[in-house]
Amino acid sequence: MRQVKYLAIAALVCGLLLAVLAVGCVQPSVPSGAPGTGLRDMRITAVTDSSGDSTDTGEGSITGQLYALEWIDGDCANGVDITVTLTSRSSGIDLQLFQKDNVNDDAIYYPRTQVHNTSGTALTLEGSEIAYDYIAVNGIPEITVGAGGATKTCECLLYYYP
């Protein structure tokens, strides 16, 4: 009887340990509070003018946390300059999410922002490495393309958690 009791307790402890480990391993890249299947995307297509420049706006507002940005070079010239900004934010202040010059190929980027404590001081990991987190987004995304070549098409996909 005593052995059965100990086996039952051991099974319970092992079950709890596995449950704790499983919870700790569930989608570590998902922002805190985001549903595991809630990733959304918005595609913005840019068609450059005769000077190789373009400014294009997303179809609507996005709200949540930016996870990734995918650049699809299309037929744009090598060396294109791209800037992704949020406009029409609640604060009225535009927020630059990403900027990169001389882009030549399709790529996926994971922009992050530096984390601060309640007094505004930058937080670090172990006192030396800068701490980063997802960028809070609330507004209409806009991409600006420079040096993309005359009448060329390229795209930007924003992946975000609502």
N, C-alpha and C. Protein backbone atom coordinates (compact mmCIF):
# COMPACT_ATOMS: atom_id res chain seq x y z
N MET A 1 0.82 -1.19 0.00
CA MET A 1 0.00 0.00 0.00
C MET A 1 0.87 1.26 0.00
N ARG A 2 1.96 1.19 0.81
CA ARG A 2 2.85 2.33 0.90
C ARG A 2 3.52 2.60 -0.45
N GLN A 3 3.91 1.54 -1.18
CA GLN A 3 4.55 1.72 -2.48
C GLN A 3 3.59 2.36 -3.47
N VAL A 4 2.34 2.00 -3.45
CA VAL A 4 1.34 2.58 -4.35
C VAL A 4 1.19 4.07 -4.06
N LYS A 5 1.19 4.41 -2.77
CA LYS A 5 1.05 5.80 -2.36
C LYS A 5 2.24 6.62 -2.88
N TYR A 6 3.46 6.08 -2.71
CA TYR A 6 4.65 6.78 -3.18
C TYR A 6 4.67 6.89 -4.70
N LEU A 7 4.23 5.85 -5.39
CA LEU A 7 4.17 5.90 -6.85
C LEU A 7 3.16 6.95 -7.31
N ALA A 8 2.05 7.06 -6.62
CA ALA A 8 1.04 8.06 -6.97
C ALA A 8 1.58 9.46 -6.77
N ILE A 9 2.30 9.68 -5.66
CA ILE A 9 2.89 11.00 -5.39
C ILE A 9 3.96 11.30 -6.43
N ALA A 10 4.80 10.34 -6.77
CA ALA A 10 5.84 10.54 -7.78
C ALA A 10 5.22 10.86 -9.13
N ALA A 11 4.15 10.18 -9.50
CA ALA A 11 3.47 10.45 -10.77
C ALA A 11 2.89 11.86 -10.79
N LEU A 12 2.33 12.28 -9.66
CA LEU A 12 1.76 13.62 -9.55
C LEU A 12 2.85 14.68 -9.70
N VAL A 13 3.98 14.49 -9.02
CA VAL A 13 5.10 15.44 -9.10
C VAL A 13 5.63 15.49 -10.54
N CYS A 14 5.81 14.35 -11.16
CA CYS A 14 6.29 14.32 -12.55
C CYS A 14 5.31 15.01 -13.49
N GLY A 15 4.02 14.78 -13.28
CA GLY A 15 3.00 15.43 -14.10
C GLY A 15 3.03 16.94 -13.95
N LEU A 16 3.19 17.42 -12.72
CA LEU A 16 3.27 18.86 -12.48
C LEU A 16 4.53 19.45 -13.11
N LEU A 17 5.63 18.73 -12.99
CA LEU A 17 6.89 19.19 -13.58
C LEU A 17 6.76 19.29 -15.09
N LEU A 18 6.18 18.29 -15.72
CA LEU A 18 5.98 18.33 -17.17
C LEU A 18 5.05 19.47 -17.57
N ALA A 19 4.03 19.72 -16.78
CA ALA A 19 3.10 20.81 -17.08
C ALA A 19 3.81 22.15 -16.99
N VAL A 20 4.64 22.33 -15.98
CA VAL A 20 5.39 23.58 -15.83
C VAL A 20 6.36 23.75 -16.99
N LEU A 21 7.06 22.70 -17.36
CA LEU A 21 7.98 22.78 -18.49
C LEU A 21 7.25 23.08 -19.78
N ALA A 22 6.10 22.47 -19.98
CA ALA A 22 5.33 22.70 -21.21
C ALA A 22 4.87 24.14 -21.30
N VAL A 23 4.41 24.71 -20.20
CA VAL A 23 3.96 26.10 -20.20
C VAL A 23 5.12 27.01 -20.52
N GLY A 24 6.29 26.72 -19.99
CA GLY A 24 7.46 27.53 -20.24
C GLY A 24 7.97 27.43 -21.66
N CYS A 25 7.58 26.39 -22.40
CA CYS A 25 8.08 26.19 -23.75
C CYS A 25 7.09 26.60 -24.83
N VAL A 26 5.93 27.05 -24.48
CA VAL A 26 4.92 27.38 -25.47
C VAL A 26 5.26 28.72 -26.11
N GLN A 27 5.58 28.71 -27.36
CA GLN A 27 5.83 29.86 -28.19
C GLN A 27 6.56 30.99 -27.49
N PRO A 28 7.84 30.82 -27.21
CA PRO A 28 8.57 31.85 -26.49
C PRO A 28 8.70 33.15 -27.26
N SER A 29 8.50 33.14 -28.60
CA SER A 29 8.65 34.37 -29.37
C SER A 29 7.36 35.19 -29.44
N VAL A 30 6.28 34.69 -28.87
CA VAL A 30 5.01 35.41 -28.92
C VAL A 30 5.01 36.46 -27.83
N PRO A 31 4.63 37.72 -28.15
CA PRO A 31 4.58 38.76 -27.13
C PRO A 31 3.66 38.36 -25.99
N SER A 32 3.97 38.84 -24.82
CA SER A 32 3.18 38.56 -23.63
C SER A 32 1.73 38.96 -23.85
N GLY A 33 0.83 38.06 -23.58
CA GLY A 33 -0.59 38.36 -23.71
C GLY A 33 -1.16 38.16 -25.11
N ALA A 34 -0.30 37.88 -26.09
CA ALA A 34 -0.79 37.70 -27.46
C ALA A 34 -1.26 36.27 -27.65
N PRO A 35 -2.37 36.10 -28.34
CA PRO A 35 -2.82 34.74 -28.61
C PRO A 35 -1.85 34.05 -29.56
N GLY A 36 -1.66 32.75 -29.37
CA GLY A 36 -0.68 32.02 -30.16
C GLY A 36 -0.94 32.02 -31.65
N THR A 37 -2.18 32.15 -32.07
CA THR A 37 -2.49 32.13 -33.50
C THR A 37 -2.94 33.50 -33.99
N GLY A 38 -2.67 34.55 -33.25
CA GLY A 38 -3.18 35.88 -33.58
C GLY A 38 -2.33 36.71 -34.51
N LEU A 39 -1.25 36.16 -35.07
CA LEU A 39 -0.38 36.94 -35.95
C LEU A 39 -1.16 37.40 -37.17
N ARG A 40 -1.08 38.68 -37.45
CA ARG A 40 -1.74 39.25 -38.63
C ARG A 40 -0.71 39.94 -39.51
N ASP A 41 -1.11 40.25 -40.74
CA ASP A 41 -0.19 40.96 -41.61
C ASP A 41 -0.93 42.02 -42.40
N MET A 42 -0.18 43.02 -42.83
CA MET A 42 -0.69 44.05 -43.73
C MET A 42 0.34 44.24 -44.83
N ARG A 43 -0.13 44.17 -46.08
CA ARG A 43 0.74 44.33 -47.24
C ARG A 43 0.56 45.75 -47.80
N ILE A 44 1.69 46.40 -48.05
CA ILE A 44 1.69 47.73 -48.66
C ILE A 44 2.51 47.63 -49.94
N THR A 45 1.90 47.95 -51.05
CA THR A 45 2.58 47.91 -52.34
C THR A 45 2.97 49.32 -52.74
N ALA A 46 4.21 49.46 -53.18
CA ALA A 46 4.73 50.76 -53.62
C ALA A 46 5.07 50.70 -55.10
N VAL A 47 4.63 51.70 -55.85
CA VAL A 47 5.00 51.85 -57.25
C VAL A 47 5.71 53.20 -57.35
N THR A 48 6.98 53.15 -57.73
CA THR A 48 7.78 54.38 -57.76
C THR A 48 7.40 55.26 -58.95
N ASP A 49 7.66 56.55 -58.80
CA ASP A 49 7.42 57.50 -59.89
C ASP A 49 8.64 57.52 -60.81
N SER A 50 8.67 58.43 -61.74
CA SER A 50 9.77 58.47 -62.73
C SER A 50 11.12 58.80 -62.08
N SER A 51 11.10 59.38 -60.87
CA SER A 51 12.37 59.67 -60.18
C SER A 51 12.81 58.52 -59.27
N GLY A 52 12.00 57.45 -59.18
CA GLY A 52 12.35 56.29 -58.36
C GLY A 52 11.88 56.37 -56.92
N ASP A 53 11.01 57.35 -56.63
CA ASP A 53 10.53 57.55 -55.27
C ASP A 53 9.06 57.21 -55.15
N SER A 54 8.64 56.89 -53.93
CA SER A 54 7.24 56.56 -53.69
C SER A 54 6.93 56.70 -52.20
N THR A 55 5.72 57.12 -51.88
CA THR A 55 5.21 57.08 -50.51
C THR A 55 3.83 56.46 -50.59
N ASP A 56 3.64 55.34 -49.91
CA ASP A 56 2.38 54.61 -49.96
C ASP A 56 1.93 54.26 -48.56
N THR A 57 0.62 54.25 -48.38
CA THR A 57 0.00 54.06 -47.08
C THR A 57 -0.76 52.75 -47.03
N GLY A 58 -0.76 52.11 -45.85
CA GLY A 58 -1.52 50.88 -45.66
C GLY A 58 -3.01 51.12 -45.77
N GLU A 59 -3.77 50.05 -45.93
CA GLU A 59 -5.22 50.15 -46.13
C GLU A 59 -5.99 50.54 -44.89
N GLY A 60 -5.34 50.52 -43.74
CA GLY A 60 -6.03 50.89 -42.51
C GLY A 60 -5.05 50.95 -41.36
N SER A 61 -5.59 51.14 -40.20
CA SER A 61 -4.78 51.26 -38.99
C SER A 61 -4.44 49.88 -38.43
N ILE A 62 -3.28 49.77 -37.80
CA ILE A 62 -2.91 48.57 -37.07
C ILE A 62 -2.68 48.95 -35.61
N THR A 63 -3.03 48.04 -34.73
CA THR A 63 -2.84 48.26 -33.30
C THR A 63 -2.33 46.96 -32.69
N GLY A 64 -1.27 47.04 -31.91
CA GLY A 64 -0.74 45.85 -31.27
C GLY A 64 0.76 45.95 -31.08
N GLN A 65 1.46 44.86 -31.39
CA GLN A 65 2.91 44.79 -31.26
C GLN A 65 3.51 44.30 -32.57
N LEU A 66 4.46 45.06 -33.11
CA LEU A 66 5.12 44.69 -34.36
C LEU A 66 6.03 43.51 -34.13
N TYR A 67 5.87 42.47 -34.94
CA TYR A 67 6.70 41.27 -34.82
C TYR A 67 7.80 41.28 -35.87
N ALA A 68 7.45 41.49 -37.13
CA ALA A 68 8.44 41.45 -38.20
C ALA A 68 7.99 42.30 -39.37
N LEU A 69 8.95 42.60 -40.22
CA LEU A 69 8.71 43.37 -41.44
C LEU A 69 9.38 42.60 -42.57
N GLU A 70 8.63 42.30 -43.61
CA GLU A 70 9.20 41.57 -44.75
C GLU A 70 9.25 42.51 -45.95
N TRP A 71 10.43 42.65 -46.52
CA TRP A 71 10.64 43.49 -47.69
C TRP A 71 10.70 42.59 -48.91
N ILE A 72 9.84 42.88 -49.89
CA ILE A 72 9.83 42.13 -51.15
C ILE A 72 10.30 43.10 -52.23
N ASP A 73 11.50 42.87 -52.71
CA ASP A 73 12.19 43.80 -53.60
C ASP A 73 11.48 43.99 -54.94
N GLY A 74 10.74 42.98 -55.38
CA GLY A 74 10.06 43.09 -56.67
C GLY A 74 11.03 43.41 -57.78
N ASP A 75 10.67 44.38 -58.61
CA ASP A 75 11.58 44.77 -59.69
C ASP A 75 12.27 46.10 -59.40
N CYS A 76 12.28 46.52 -58.14
CA CYS A 76 12.98 47.75 -57.75
C CYS A 76 14.48 47.61 -58.01
N ALA A 77 15.10 48.73 -58.27
CA ALA A 77 16.54 48.75 -58.53
C ALA A 77 17.31 48.37 -57.27
N ASN A 78 18.53 47.86 -57.45
CA ASN A 78 19.39 47.62 -56.30
C ASN A 78 19.75 48.95 -55.65
N GLY A 79 19.93 48.93 -54.33
CA GLY A 79 20.30 50.15 -53.61
C GLY A 79 19.11 50.99 -53.18
N VAL A 80 17.93 50.38 -53.12
CA VAL A 80 16.72 51.11 -52.73
C VAL A 80 16.79 51.48 -51.24
N ASP A 81 16.27 52.65 -50.91
CA ASP A 81 16.20 53.12 -49.53
C ASP A 81 14.75 53.00 -49.07
N ILE A 82 14.52 52.39 -47.90
CA ILE A 82 13.15 52.21 -47.41
C ILE A 82 13.01 52.74 -45.99
N THR A 83 11.87 53.35 -45.73
CA THR A 83 11.52 53.82 -44.40
C THR A 83 10.08 53.43 -44.14
N VAL A 84 9.82 52.85 -42.97
CA VAL A 84 8.46 52.47 -42.58
C VAL A 84 8.10 53.31 -41.35
N THR A 85 6.98 54.00 -41.45
CA THR A 85 6.54 54.93 -40.41
C THR A 85 5.09 54.66 -40.07
N LEU A 86 4.71 54.93 -38.83
CA LEU A 86 3.30 54.91 -38.44
C LEU A 86 2.81 56.35 -38.40
N THR A 87 1.72 56.61 -39.11
CA THR A 87 1.11 57.94 -39.11
C THR A 87 -0.27 57.84 -38.46
N SER A 88 -0.90 58.98 -38.27
CA SER A 88 -2.26 59.04 -37.70
C SER A 88 -2.35 58.28 -36.38
N ARG A 89 -1.32 58.42 -35.56
CA ARG A 89 -1.32 57.76 -34.24
C ARG A 89 -2.18 58.56 -33.27
N SER A 90 -2.57 57.91 -32.19
CA SER A 90 -3.39 58.56 -31.16
C SER A 90 -2.72 59.82 -30.62
N SER A 91 -1.39 59.79 -30.51
CA SER A 91 -0.64 60.94 -29.97
C SER A 91 -0.51 62.06 -30.99
N GLY A 92 -0.73 61.76 -32.28
CA GLY A 92 -0.54 62.75 -33.32
C GLY A 92 0.91 62.84 -33.79
N ILE A 93 1.80 62.05 -33.19
CA ILE A 93 3.22 62.07 -33.55
C ILE A 93 3.54 60.83 -34.37
N ASP A 94 4.13 61.03 -35.55
CA ASP A 94 4.53 59.89 -36.37
C ASP A 94 5.66 59.13 -35.68
N LEU A 95 5.69 57.81 -35.90
CA LEU A 95 6.70 56.95 -35.28
C LEU A 95 7.42 56.17 -36.36
N GLN A 96 8.73 56.36 -36.48
CA GLN A 96 9.51 55.59 -37.45
C GLN A 96 9.76 54.20 -36.88
N LEU A 97 9.31 53.17 -37.62
CA LEU A 97 9.47 51.79 -37.19
C LEU A 97 10.75 51.16 -37.71
N PHE A 98 11.16 51.58 -38.92
CA PHE A 98 12.29 50.92 -39.57
C PHE A 98 12.83 51.81 -40.68
N GLN A 99 14.16 51.79 -40.85
CA GLN A 99 14.78 52.54 -41.93
C GLN A 99 16.04 51.80 -42.35
N LYS A 100 16.19 51.59 -43.66
CA LYS A 100 17.40 50.91 -44.17
C LYS A 100 17.70 51.43 -45.56
N ASP A 101 18.95 51.75 -45.77
CA ASP A 101 19.42 52.22 -47.07
C ASP A 101 20.11 51.10 -47.84
N ASN A 102 20.14 51.25 -49.15
CA ASN A 102 20.87 50.34 -50.04
C ASN A 102 20.43 48.89 -49.94
N VAL A 103 19.12 48.67 -49.95
CA VAL A 103 18.57 47.31 -49.90
C VAL A 103 18.58 46.74 -51.32
N ASN A 104 19.06 45.50 -51.45
CA ASN A 104 19.18 44.88 -52.76
C ASN A 104 18.29 43.66 -52.96
N ASP A 105 17.87 43.02 -51.89
CA ASP A 105 17.17 41.75 -52.01
C ASP A 105 15.99 41.66 -51.05
N ASP A 106 15.15 40.65 -51.27
CA ASP A 106 14.08 40.35 -50.32
C ASP A 106 14.71 40.05 -48.96
N ALA A 107 14.03 40.45 -47.90
CA ALA A 107 14.57 40.20 -46.56
C ALA A 107 13.47 40.31 -45.52
N ILE A 108 13.70 39.66 -44.38
CA ILE A 108 12.81 39.79 -43.24
C ILE A 108 13.60 40.43 -42.11
N TYR A 109 13.02 41.46 -41.50
CA TYR A 109 13.65 42.17 -40.40
C TYR A 109 12.75 42.07 -39.17
N TYR A 110 13.37 42.14 -38.00
CA TYR A 110 12.65 42.05 -36.73
C TYR A 110 12.96 43.29 -35.89
N PRO A 111 12.35 44.44 -36.23
CA PRO A 111 12.65 45.67 -35.48
C PRO A 111 12.20 45.57 -34.03
N ARG A 112 13.00 46.13 -33.14
CA ARG A 112 12.69 46.17 -31.72
C ARG A 112 13.01 47.56 -31.18
N THR A 113 12.52 47.84 -29.99
CA THR A 113 12.80 49.12 -29.35
C THR A 113 13.48 48.89 -28.02
N GLN A 114 14.29 49.85 -27.60
CA GLN A 114 14.98 49.73 -26.33
C GLN A 114 13.98 49.90 -25.18
N VAL A 115 14.17 49.12 -24.13
CA VAL A 115 13.29 49.12 -22.97
C VAL A 115 13.85 50.09 -21.92
N HIS A 116 12.94 50.79 -21.23
CA HIS A 116 13.33 51.74 -20.18
C HIS A 116 12.62 51.42 -18.88
N ASN A 117 13.21 51.84 -17.77
CA ASN A 117 12.54 51.66 -16.49
C ASN A 117 11.58 52.82 -16.24
N THR A 118 10.96 52.87 -15.10
CA THR A 118 9.93 53.89 -14.83
C THR A 118 10.48 55.31 -14.76
N SER A 119 11.79 55.46 -14.59
CA SER A 119 12.37 56.80 -14.57
C SER A 119 12.92 57.20 -15.94
N GLY A 120 12.76 56.32 -16.94
CA GLY A 120 13.22 56.64 -18.29
C GLY A 120 14.64 56.22 -18.59
N THR A 121 15.29 55.57 -17.64
CA THR A 121 16.66 55.10 -17.85
C THR A 121 16.64 53.80 -18.65
N ALA A 122 17.53 53.71 -19.62
CA ALA A 122 17.61 52.51 -20.45
C ALA A 122 17.96 51.30 -19.60
N LEU A 123 17.24 50.21 -19.82
CA LEU A 123 17.52 48.97 -19.11
C LEU A 123 18.54 48.14 -19.86
N THR A 124 19.35 47.41 -19.11
CA THR A 124 20.33 46.53 -19.72
C THR A 124 20.21 45.14 -19.11
N LEU A 125 20.74 44.18 -19.83
CA LEU A 125 20.81 42.82 -19.33
C LEU A 125 22.18 42.63 -18.71
N GLU A 126 22.22 42.27 -17.46
CA GLU A 126 23.47 42.06 -16.72
C GLU A 126 24.37 43.29 -16.77
N GLY A 127 23.76 44.48 -16.91
CA GLY A 127 24.51 45.73 -16.86
C GLY A 127 25.28 46.11 -18.10
N SER A 128 25.25 45.26 -19.15
CA SER A 128 26.07 45.59 -20.31
C SER A 128 25.32 45.52 -21.64
N GLU A 129 24.40 44.58 -21.79
CA GLU A 129 23.69 44.43 -23.06
C GLU A 129 22.36 45.18 -23.01
N ILE A 130 22.06 45.91 -24.06
CA ILE A 130 20.82 46.68 -24.12
C ILE A 130 19.63 45.72 -24.18
N ALA A 131 18.58 46.03 -23.43
CA ALA A 131 17.35 45.21 -23.43
C ALA A 131 16.39 45.77 -24.47
N TYR A 132 15.84 44.88 -25.30
CA TYR A 132 14.92 45.27 -26.36
C TYR A 132 13.59 44.54 -26.20
N ASP A 133 12.53 45.12 -26.79
CA ASP A 133 11.21 44.48 -26.77
C ASP A 133 10.47 44.86 -28.05
N TYR A 134 9.30 44.26 -28.24
CA TYR A 134 8.47 44.56 -29.40
C TYR A 134 8.06 46.03 -29.40
N ILE A 135 7.81 46.57 -30.59
CA ILE A 135 7.39 47.96 -30.71
C ILE A 135 5.87 48.01 -30.65
N ALA A 136 5.34 48.84 -29.76
CA ALA A 136 3.89 49.04 -29.69
C ALA A 136 3.46 49.87 -30.90
N VAL A 137 2.46 49.36 -31.62
CA VAL A 137 2.00 50.05 -32.83
C VAL A 137 0.53 50.45 -32.68
N ASN A 138 0.23 51.64 -33.15
CA ASN A 138 -1.13 52.15 -33.15
C ASN A 138 -1.20 53.28 -34.17
N GLY A 139 -1.58 52.96 -35.38
CA GLY A 139 -1.64 53.98 -36.43
C GLY A 139 -1.68 53.36 -37.81
N ILE A 140 -1.52 54.20 -38.79
CA ILE A 140 -1.56 53.76 -40.19
C ILE A 140 -0.13 53.66 -40.72
N PRO A 141 0.28 52.48 -41.17
CA PRO A 141 1.64 52.31 -41.68
C PRO A 141 1.83 52.98 -43.04
N GLU A 142 3.03 53.51 -43.23
CA GLU A 142 3.37 54.18 -44.47
C GLU A 142 4.79 53.78 -44.84
N ILE A 143 5.01 53.45 -46.11
CA ILE A 143 6.38 53.17 -46.55
C ILE A 143 6.81 54.24 -47.53
N THR A 144 8.06 54.65 -47.38
CA THR A 144 8.67 55.61 -48.29
C THR A 144 9.84 54.90 -48.96
N VAL A 145 9.86 54.96 -50.28
CA VAL A 145 10.90 54.32 -51.07
C VAL A 145 11.68 55.40 -51.80
N GLY A 146 13.00 55.29 -51.75
CA GLY A 146 13.86 56.21 -52.49
C GLY A 146 14.85 55.41 -53.32
N ALA A 147 15.21 55.94 -54.47
CA ALA A 147 16.20 55.32 -55.36
C ALA A 147 15.78 53.92 -55.79
N GLY A 148 14.47 53.74 -56.01
CA GLY A 148 13.96 52.42 -56.38
C GLY A 148 13.92 52.16 -57.86
N GLY A 149 14.28 53.15 -58.67
CA GLY A 149 14.19 53.01 -60.11
C GLY A 149 12.84 53.52 -60.61
N ALA A 150 12.80 53.99 -61.85
CA ALA A 150 11.59 54.59 -62.42
C ALA A 150 10.50 53.54 -62.64
N THR A 151 9.31 53.86 -62.15
CA THR A 151 8.09 53.03 -62.27
C THR A 151 8.35 51.55 -61.96
N LYS A 152 8.87 51.30 -60.79
CA LYS A 152 9.14 49.94 -60.31
C LYS A 152 8.19 49.62 -59.16
N THR A 153 7.98 48.33 -58.91
CA THR A 153 7.06 47.89 -57.86
C THR A 153 7.80 47.07 -56.81
N CYS A 154 7.56 47.41 -55.54
CA CYS A 154 8.11 46.64 -54.43
C CYS A 154 7.04 46.61 -53.34
N GLU A 155 7.21 45.71 -52.35
CA GLU A 155 6.20 45.55 -51.31
C GLU A 155 6.82 45.41 -49.94
N CYS A 156 6.00 45.74 -48.96
CA CYS A 156 6.38 45.57 -47.57
C CYS A 156 5.23 44.89 -46.84
N LEU A 157 5.53 43.83 -46.12
CA LEU A 157 4.52 43.17 -45.28
C LEU A 157 4.88 43.42 -43.84
N LEU A 158 3.92 43.89 -43.07
CA LEU A 158 4.09 44.08 -41.63
C LEU A 158 3.38 42.95 -40.93
N TYR A 159 4.09 42.22 -40.07
CA TYR A 159 3.49 41.16 -39.27
C TYR A 159 3.37 41.69 -37.85
N TYR A 160 2.17 41.59 -37.28
CA TYR A 160 1.96 42.15 -35.95
C TYR A 160 0.94 41.32 -35.17
N TYR A 161 1.03 41.43 -33.85
CA TYR A 161 0.05 40.80 -32.95
C TYR A 161 -0.92 41.88 -32.50
N PRO A 162 -2.22 41.65 -32.71
CA PRO A 162 -3.21 42.66 -32.28
C PRO A 162 -3.35 42.70 -30.77
